[in-house]
Amino acid sequence: MPTVPLAAAALGVSAGQIVKSILFEGKKDRGVIVLAIAPGDVRVSAGKVGSAAGVSQLKLASPDTVLRATGYAVGGVPPVGHATQVSVVVDSRVLEHPFVFGGGGDEHHMLRITPQDIVRLTAARVADVVAEPEPRPAS
């Protein structure tokens, strides 16, 4: 599914049960790679991901880096089963659900998995990685 709302509607679940897998790389050291897994309806903070992983200054990984590290193109990265071993941080909100749906290899497939299996299979750290909402301008 190309968007979280469409995926949630198609599966009959809340947007929070759709998880996104976002790969970050070090700004200075491109050899540092961290995968963040978070509910699809929130923004992820690169700073919080870096703090949880013990890495400073992360940026979104390039599409080439995503493909090389995970084996999947941007938009289809599953929460488990990557081509290389990557450091994984799972947002604590993901664990609130008995099961979640993540990328299934491309934008047409989804993977149903328990959050506990994501943590177990990836040796993930669990932390709060959601960005604080930006204040709305006064009207």
N, C-alpha and C. Protein backbone atom coordinates (compact mmCIF):
# COMPACT_ATOMS: atom_id res chain seq x y z
N MET A 1 0.84 -1.18 0.00
CA MET A 1 0.00 0.00 0.00
C MET A 1 0.89 1.25 0.00
N PRO A 2 0.54 2.21 -0.81
CA PRO A 2 1.41 3.38 -0.92
C PRO A 2 1.33 4.34 0.27
N THR A 3 0.24 4.28 1.07
CA THR A 3 0.14 5.18 2.22
C THR A 3 -0.37 4.42 3.43
N VAL A 4 -0.08 4.95 4.61
CA VAL A 4 -0.55 4.33 5.86
C VAL A 4 -2.07 4.31 5.93
N PRO A 5 -2.76 5.43 5.64
CA PRO A 5 -4.22 5.39 5.72
C PRO A 5 -4.85 4.36 4.78
N LEU A 6 -4.30 4.22 3.58
CA LEU A 6 -4.84 3.22 2.64
C LEU A 6 -4.58 1.81 3.14
N ALA A 7 -3.40 1.57 3.68
CA ALA A 7 -3.09 0.24 4.21
C ALA A 7 -3.98 -0.10 5.39
N ALA A 8 -4.17 0.86 6.31
CA ALA A 8 -5.01 0.63 7.48
C ALA A 8 -6.45 0.34 7.06
N ALA A 9 -6.95 1.11 6.11
CA ALA A 9 -8.33 0.90 5.64
C ALA A 9 -8.48 -0.46 4.96
N ALA A 10 -7.51 -0.84 4.15
CA ALA A 10 -7.58 -2.12 3.44
C ALA A 10 -7.54 -3.30 4.40
N LEU A 11 -6.80 -3.16 5.51
CA LEU A 11 -6.65 -4.24 6.47
C LEU A 11 -7.66 -4.18 7.61
N GLY A 12 -8.38 -3.06 7.71
CA GLY A 12 -9.36 -2.91 8.78
C GLY A 12 -8.73 -2.76 10.15
N VAL A 13 -7.58 -2.07 10.21
CA VAL A 13 -6.89 -1.84 11.48
C VAL A 13 -6.62 -0.35 11.65
N SER A 14 -6.17 0.03 12.84
CA SER A 14 -5.82 1.44 13.08
C SER A 14 -4.51 1.78 12.39
N ALA A 15 -4.31 3.05 12.11
CA ALA A 15 -3.06 3.50 11.48
C ALA A 15 -1.86 3.19 12.36
N GLY A 16 -2.06 3.13 13.67
CA GLY A 16 -0.98 2.81 14.58
C GLY A 16 -0.49 1.37 14.47
N GLN A 17 -1.31 0.50 13.88
CA GLN A 17 -0.90 -0.90 13.69
C GLN A 17 -0.12 -1.10 12.40
N ILE A 18 -0.05 -0.08 11.58
CA ILE A 18 0.80 -0.11 10.39
C ILE A 18 2.14 0.47 10.82
N VAL A 19 3.20 -0.31 10.72
CA VAL A 19 4.50 0.19 11.14
C VAL A 19 5.36 0.52 9.93
N LYS A 20 6.17 1.54 10.11
CA LYS A 20 7.10 1.92 9.06
C LYS A 20 8.50 1.59 9.53
N SER A 21 9.33 1.21 8.59
CA SER A 21 10.73 0.90 8.83
C SER A 21 11.56 1.95 8.12
N ILE A 22 12.23 2.79 8.90
CA ILE A 22 12.99 3.91 8.34
C ILE A 22 14.46 3.73 8.66
N LEU A 23 15.29 3.70 7.61
CA LEU A 23 16.72 3.51 7.80
C LEU A 23 17.43 4.85 7.87
N PHE A 24 18.28 4.97 8.88
CA PHE A 24 19.10 6.16 9.07
C PHE A 24 20.56 5.77 8.93
N GLU A 25 21.38 6.74 8.55
CA GLU A 25 22.82 6.54 8.50
C GLU A 25 23.50 7.72 9.17
N GLY A 26 24.73 7.49 9.61
CA GLY A 26 25.49 8.55 10.24
C GLY A 26 25.76 9.69 9.28
N LYS A 27 25.65 10.92 9.78
CA LYS A 27 25.95 12.08 8.93
C LYS A 27 27.44 12.12 8.59
N LYS A 28 28.27 11.80 9.57
CA LYS A 28 29.71 11.85 9.36
C LYS A 28 30.27 10.48 9.00
N ASP A 29 29.71 9.45 9.62
CA ASP A 29 30.19 8.08 9.39
C ASP A 29 29.09 7.29 8.69
N ARG A 30 29.19 7.17 7.38
CA ARG A 30 28.14 6.48 6.62
C ARG A 30 28.12 4.98 6.88
N GLY A 31 29.11 4.47 7.59
CA GLY A 31 29.11 3.05 7.94
C GLY A 31 28.15 2.74 9.07
N VAL A 32 27.67 3.77 9.76
CA VAL A 32 26.73 3.59 10.87
C VAL A 32 25.32 3.59 10.29
N ILE A 33 24.58 2.51 10.56
CA ILE A 33 23.22 2.38 10.04
C ILE A 33 22.30 1.93 11.18
N VAL A 34 21.15 2.59 11.30
CA VAL A 34 20.17 2.24 12.32
C VAL A 34 18.79 2.23 11.68
N LEU A 35 18.04 1.16 11.92
CA LEU A 35 16.67 1.05 11.42
C LEU A 35 15.71 1.37 12.55
N ALA A 36 14.81 2.32 12.31
CA ALA A 36 13.77 2.67 13.28
C ALA A 36 12.45 2.07 12.80
N ILE A 37 11.74 1.44 13.73
CA ILE A 37 10.43 0.89 13.43
C ILE A 37 9.44 1.60 14.34
N ALA A 38 8.45 2.26 13.72
CA ALA A 38 7.52 3.08 14.48
C ALA A 38 6.13 3.00 13.87
N PRO A 39 5.11 3.39 14.64
CA PRO A 39 3.77 3.43 14.06
C PRO A 39 3.76 4.33 12.83
N GLY A 40 2.96 3.95 11.86
CA GLY A 40 2.93 4.68 10.60
C GLY A 40 2.30 6.05 10.67
N ASP A 41 1.60 6.35 11.76
CA ASP A 41 0.89 7.62 11.85
C ASP A 41 1.63 8.67 12.67
N VAL A 42 2.94 8.48 12.89
CA VAL A 42 3.73 9.45 13.65
C VAL A 42 5.00 9.80 12.88
N ARG A 43 5.62 10.91 13.29
CA ARG A 43 6.92 11.28 12.74
C ARG A 43 8.02 10.73 13.64
N VAL A 44 9.10 10.31 13.06
CA VAL A 44 10.22 9.74 13.81
C VAL A 44 11.31 10.80 13.95
N SER A 45 11.88 10.90 15.14
CA SER A 45 12.96 11.84 15.43
C SER A 45 14.31 11.15 15.22
N ALA A 46 15.09 11.65 14.29
CA ALA A 46 16.43 11.09 14.06
C ALA A 46 17.28 11.22 15.32
N GLY A 47 17.10 12.31 16.05
CA GLY A 47 17.86 12.51 17.30
C GLY A 47 17.53 11.46 18.34
N LYS A 48 16.24 11.14 18.49
CA LYS A 48 15.85 10.13 19.46
C LYS A 48 16.31 8.73 19.04
N VAL A 49 16.27 8.46 17.74
CA VAL A 49 16.76 7.18 17.25
C VAL A 49 18.25 7.07 17.55
N GLY A 50 18.98 8.13 17.26
CA GLY A 50 20.42 8.13 17.54
C GLY A 50 20.73 7.96 19.01
N SER A 51 19.99 8.64 19.88
CA SER A 51 20.20 8.49 21.32
C SER A 51 19.95 7.06 21.77
N ALA A 52 18.88 6.46 21.28
CA ALA A 52 18.55 5.08 21.65
C ALA A 52 19.61 4.09 21.17
N ALA A 53 20.21 4.39 20.02
CA ALA A 53 21.21 3.49 19.43
C ALA A 53 22.64 3.85 19.84
N GLY A 54 22.79 4.96 20.59
CA GLY A 54 24.12 5.37 20.99
C GLY A 54 24.93 5.98 19.86
N VAL A 55 24.23 6.63 18.93
CA VAL A 55 24.87 7.23 17.77
C VAL A 55 24.44 8.69 17.67
N SER A 56 25.38 9.57 17.38
CA SER A 56 24.99 10.97 17.21
C SER A 56 24.90 11.32 15.73
N GLN A 57 24.08 12.28 15.45
CA GLN A 57 23.95 12.86 14.11
C GLN A 57 23.59 11.84 13.03
N LEU A 58 22.34 11.44 13.04
CA LEU A 58 21.83 10.56 11.99
C LEU A 58 21.05 11.36 10.97
N LYS A 59 21.00 10.84 9.76
CA LYS A 59 20.17 11.40 8.70
C LYS A 59 19.49 10.24 7.98
N LEU A 60 18.44 10.55 7.22
CA LEU A 60 17.79 9.50 6.44
C LEU A 60 18.80 8.88 5.49
N ALA A 61 18.77 7.57 5.39
CA ALA A 61 19.69 6.88 4.48
C ALA A 61 19.25 7.09 3.04
N SER A 62 20.19 7.08 2.15
CA SER A 62 19.88 7.21 0.72
C SER A 62 19.18 5.95 0.24
N PRO A 63 18.41 6.05 -0.84
CA PRO A 63 17.76 4.85 -1.38
C PRO A 63 18.74 3.72 -1.70
N ASP A 64 19.95 4.06 -2.18
CA ASP A 64 20.96 3.04 -2.46
C ASP A 64 21.41 2.34 -1.18
N THR A 65 21.58 3.11 -0.11
CA THR A 65 21.98 2.53 1.17
C THR A 65 20.88 1.63 1.71
N VAL A 66 19.62 2.07 1.59
CA VAL A 66 18.49 1.25 2.05
C VAL A 66 18.49 -0.09 1.33
N LEU A 67 18.62 -0.06 0.03
CA LEU A 67 18.61 -1.29 -0.76
C LEU A 67 19.79 -2.19 -0.40
N ARG A 68 20.95 -1.61 -0.28
CA ARG A 68 22.16 -2.39 0.02
C ARG A 68 22.08 -3.01 1.42
N ALA A 69 21.61 -2.26 2.41
CA ALA A 69 21.60 -2.74 3.80
C ALA A 69 20.46 -3.70 4.09
N THR A 70 19.30 -3.44 3.49
CA THR A 70 18.12 -4.25 3.84
C THR A 70 17.78 -5.29 2.78
N GLY A 71 18.16 -5.02 1.53
CA GLY A 71 17.77 -5.90 0.44
C GLY A 71 16.44 -5.50 -0.17
N TYR A 72 15.87 -4.39 0.29
CA TYR A 72 14.57 -3.92 -0.19
C TYR A 72 14.65 -2.45 -0.56
N ALA A 73 13.81 -2.07 -1.51
CA ALA A 73 13.74 -0.66 -1.91
C ALA A 73 12.91 0.12 -0.90
N VAL A 74 13.15 1.42 -0.84
CA VAL A 74 12.36 2.32 0.01
C VAL A 74 10.88 2.10 -0.31
N GLY A 75 10.06 2.01 0.73
CA GLY A 75 8.64 1.80 0.55
C GLY A 75 8.20 0.36 0.76
N GLY A 76 9.15 -0.56 0.78
CA GLY A 76 8.80 -1.96 0.97
C GLY A 76 9.64 -2.66 2.03
N VAL A 77 10.40 -1.88 2.81
CA VAL A 77 11.30 -2.47 3.80
C VAL A 77 10.49 -3.10 4.94
N PRO A 78 10.66 -4.40 5.15
CA PRO A 78 9.96 -5.05 6.25
C PRO A 78 10.69 -4.79 7.58
N PRO A 79 10.03 -5.03 8.69
CA PRO A 79 10.69 -4.82 9.97
C PRO A 79 11.71 -5.91 10.33
N VAL A 80 11.71 -7.02 9.62
CA VAL A 80 12.64 -8.14 9.88
C VAL A 80 13.14 -8.70 8.55
N GLY A 81 14.17 -9.54 8.61
CA GLY A 81 14.63 -10.25 7.42
C GLY A 81 15.45 -9.41 6.46
N HIS A 82 16.43 -8.70 6.98
CA HIS A 82 17.23 -7.81 6.15
C HIS A 82 18.47 -8.51 5.60
N ALA A 83 19.00 -7.97 4.53
CA ALA A 83 20.16 -8.56 3.85
C ALA A 83 21.41 -8.52 4.71
N THR A 84 21.54 -7.50 5.55
CA THR A 84 22.67 -7.38 6.46
C THR A 84 22.14 -7.18 7.87
N GLN A 85 22.98 -7.41 8.85
CA GLN A 85 22.56 -7.18 10.23
C GLN A 85 22.62 -5.68 10.49
N VAL A 86 21.50 -5.11 10.87
CA VAL A 86 21.45 -3.68 11.16
C VAL A 86 20.99 -3.49 12.60
N SER A 87 21.42 -2.40 13.19
CA SER A 87 20.96 -2.03 14.52
C SER A 87 19.50 -1.56 14.39
N VAL A 88 18.62 -2.05 15.28
CA VAL A 88 17.19 -1.74 15.18
C VAL A 88 16.71 -1.12 16.48
N VAL A 89 15.90 -0.06 16.34
CA VAL A 89 15.22 0.56 17.48
C VAL A 89 13.73 0.54 17.17
N VAL A 90 12.95 -0.05 18.08
CA VAL A 90 11.50 -0.13 17.92
C VAL A 90 10.87 0.88 18.88
N ASP A 91 9.99 1.72 18.35
CA ASP A 91 9.29 2.67 19.21
C ASP A 91 8.40 1.91 20.18
N SER A 92 8.37 2.35 21.42
CA SER A 92 7.60 1.67 22.47
C SER A 92 6.12 1.57 22.15
N ARG A 93 5.58 2.49 21.35
CA ARG A 93 4.16 2.46 21.00
C ARG A 93 3.80 1.23 20.16
N VAL A 94 4.77 0.71 19.43
CA VAL A 94 4.54 -0.48 18.60
C VAL A 94 4.14 -1.66 19.48
N LEU A 95 4.74 -1.75 20.67
CA LEU A 95 4.47 -2.87 21.57
C LEU A 95 3.09 -2.82 22.21
N GLU A 96 2.33 -1.77 22.00
CA GLU A 96 0.98 -1.66 22.55
C GLU A 96 -0.02 -2.54 21.79
N HIS A 97 0.37 -3.07 20.64
CA HIS A 97 -0.54 -3.84 19.79
C HIS A 97 -0.20 -5.33 19.84
N PRO A 98 -1.22 -6.20 19.75
CA PRO A 98 -0.93 -7.64 19.74
C PRO A 98 -0.23 -8.07 18.45
N PHE A 99 -0.50 -7.36 17.37
CA PHE A 99 0.19 -7.60 16.11
C PHE A 99 0.17 -6.32 15.31
N VAL A 100 1.13 -6.21 14.38
CA VAL A 100 1.23 -5.03 13.52
C VAL A 100 1.48 -5.50 12.09
N PHE A 101 1.36 -4.58 11.16
CA PHE A 101 1.64 -4.86 9.75
C PHE A 101 2.75 -3.94 9.29
N GLY A 102 3.76 -4.53 8.67
CA GLY A 102 4.88 -3.75 8.15
C GLY A 102 5.08 -4.05 6.69
N GLY A 103 6.05 -3.39 6.10
CA GLY A 103 6.37 -3.62 4.70
C GLY A 103 6.61 -5.10 4.45
N GLY A 104 6.19 -5.54 3.29
CA GLY A 104 6.35 -6.95 2.94
C GLY A 104 7.25 -7.17 1.75
N GLY A 105 8.15 -6.23 1.50
CA GLY A 105 9.10 -6.39 0.39
C GLY A 105 8.88 -5.42 -0.75
N ASP A 106 7.63 -4.96 -0.91
CA ASP A 106 7.33 -3.94 -1.92
C ASP A 106 6.05 -3.22 -1.48
N GLU A 107 5.61 -2.25 -2.26
CA GLU A 107 4.45 -1.48 -1.82
C GLU A 107 3.12 -2.20 -2.02
N HIS A 108 3.15 -3.42 -2.51
CA HIS A 108 1.92 -4.19 -2.73
C HIS A 108 1.69 -5.27 -1.69
N HIS A 109 2.65 -5.49 -0.79
CA HIS A 109 2.53 -6.57 0.18
C HIS A 109 2.80 -6.07 1.59
N MET A 110 2.12 -6.67 2.56
CA MET A 110 2.30 -6.33 3.97
C MET A 110 2.61 -7.61 4.74
N LEU A 111 3.36 -7.47 5.81
CA LEU A 111 3.73 -8.58 6.68
C LEU A 111 3.03 -8.40 8.02
N ARG A 112 2.29 -9.40 8.47
CA ARG A 112 1.65 -9.38 9.79
C ARG A 112 2.61 -10.05 10.76
N ILE A 113 2.92 -9.37 11.87
CA ILE A 113 3.90 -9.87 12.82
C ILE A 113 3.61 -9.30 14.20
N THR A 114 4.00 -10.03 15.24
CA THR A 114 3.86 -9.49 16.59
C THR A 114 5.04 -8.57 16.87
N PRO A 115 4.81 -7.53 17.64
CA PRO A 115 5.92 -6.65 18.01
C PRO A 115 7.02 -7.41 18.77
N GLN A 116 6.63 -8.38 19.58
CA GLN A 116 7.61 -9.15 20.32
C GLN A 116 8.53 -9.93 19.37
N ASP A 117 7.97 -10.42 18.25
CA ASP A 117 8.80 -11.12 17.27
C ASP A 117 9.76 -10.16 16.58
N ILE A 118 9.32 -8.93 16.33
CA ILE A 118 10.23 -7.95 15.74
C ILE A 118 11.43 -7.74 16.66
N VAL A 119 11.15 -7.53 17.94
CA VAL A 119 12.22 -7.29 18.92
C VAL A 119 13.13 -8.52 19.01
N ARG A 120 12.54 -9.69 19.10
CA ARG A 120 13.32 -10.93 19.24
C ARG A 120 14.18 -11.21 18.01
N LEU A 121 13.60 -11.07 16.82
CA LEU A 121 14.31 -11.42 15.59
C LEU A 121 15.39 -10.42 15.20
N THR A 122 15.27 -9.19 15.67
CA THR A 122 16.24 -8.16 15.31
C THR A 122 17.14 -7.74 16.47
N ALA A 123 16.90 -8.29 17.66
CA ALA A 123 17.62 -7.87 18.87
C ALA A 123 17.48 -6.36 19.06
N ALA A 124 16.28 -5.87 18.81
CA ALA A 124 16.03 -4.42 18.84
C ALA A 124 16.05 -3.86 20.25
N ARG A 125 16.38 -2.59 20.31
CA ARG A 125 16.20 -1.80 21.53
C ARG A 125 14.79 -1.20 21.44
N VAL A 126 14.13 -1.06 22.56
CA VAL A 126 12.81 -0.43 22.59
C VAL A 126 12.98 0.94 23.24
N ALA A 127 12.47 1.98 22.59
CA ALA A 127 12.62 3.35 23.08
C ALA A 127 11.54 4.23 22.47
N ASP A 128 11.43 5.42 22.99
CA ASP A 128 10.53 6.43 22.41
C ASP A 128 11.32 7.14 21.32
N VAL A 129 10.89 6.98 20.06
CA VAL A 129 11.59 7.64 18.95
C VAL A 129 10.67 8.59 18.17
N VAL A 130 9.50 8.85 18.73
CA VAL A 130 8.54 9.72 18.04
C VAL A 130 8.89 11.18 18.25
N ALA A 131 8.85 11.94 17.17
CA ALA A 131 9.13 13.37 17.22
C ALA A 131 8.00 14.09 17.94
N GLU A 132 8.35 15.11 18.68
CA GLU A 132 7.34 15.92 19.34
C GLU A 132 6.54 16.67 18.28
N PRO A 133 5.23 16.79 18.47
CA PRO A 133 4.44 17.53 17.48
C PRO A 133 4.90 18.99 17.40
N GLU A 134 4.91 19.49 16.19
CA GLU A 134 5.31 20.89 16.01
C GLU A 134 4.15 21.79 16.43
N PRO A 135 4.45 22.87 17.14
CA PRO A 135 3.36 23.76 17.56
C PRO A 135 2.68 24.39 16.35
N ARG A 136 1.38 24.49 16.44
CA ARG A 136 0.62 25.11 15.34
C ARG A 136 0.66 26.63 15.52
N PRO A 137 0.78 27.35 14.41
CA PRO A 137 0.78 28.81 14.51
C PRO A 137 -0.57 29.32 15.02
N ALA A 138 -0.50 30.37 15.82
CA ALA A 138 -1.75 30.98 16.34
C ALA A 138 -2.52 31.61 15.18
N SER A 139 -3.84 31.50 15.24
CA SER A 139 -4.64 32.07 14.15
C SER A 139 -5.03 33.48 14.46
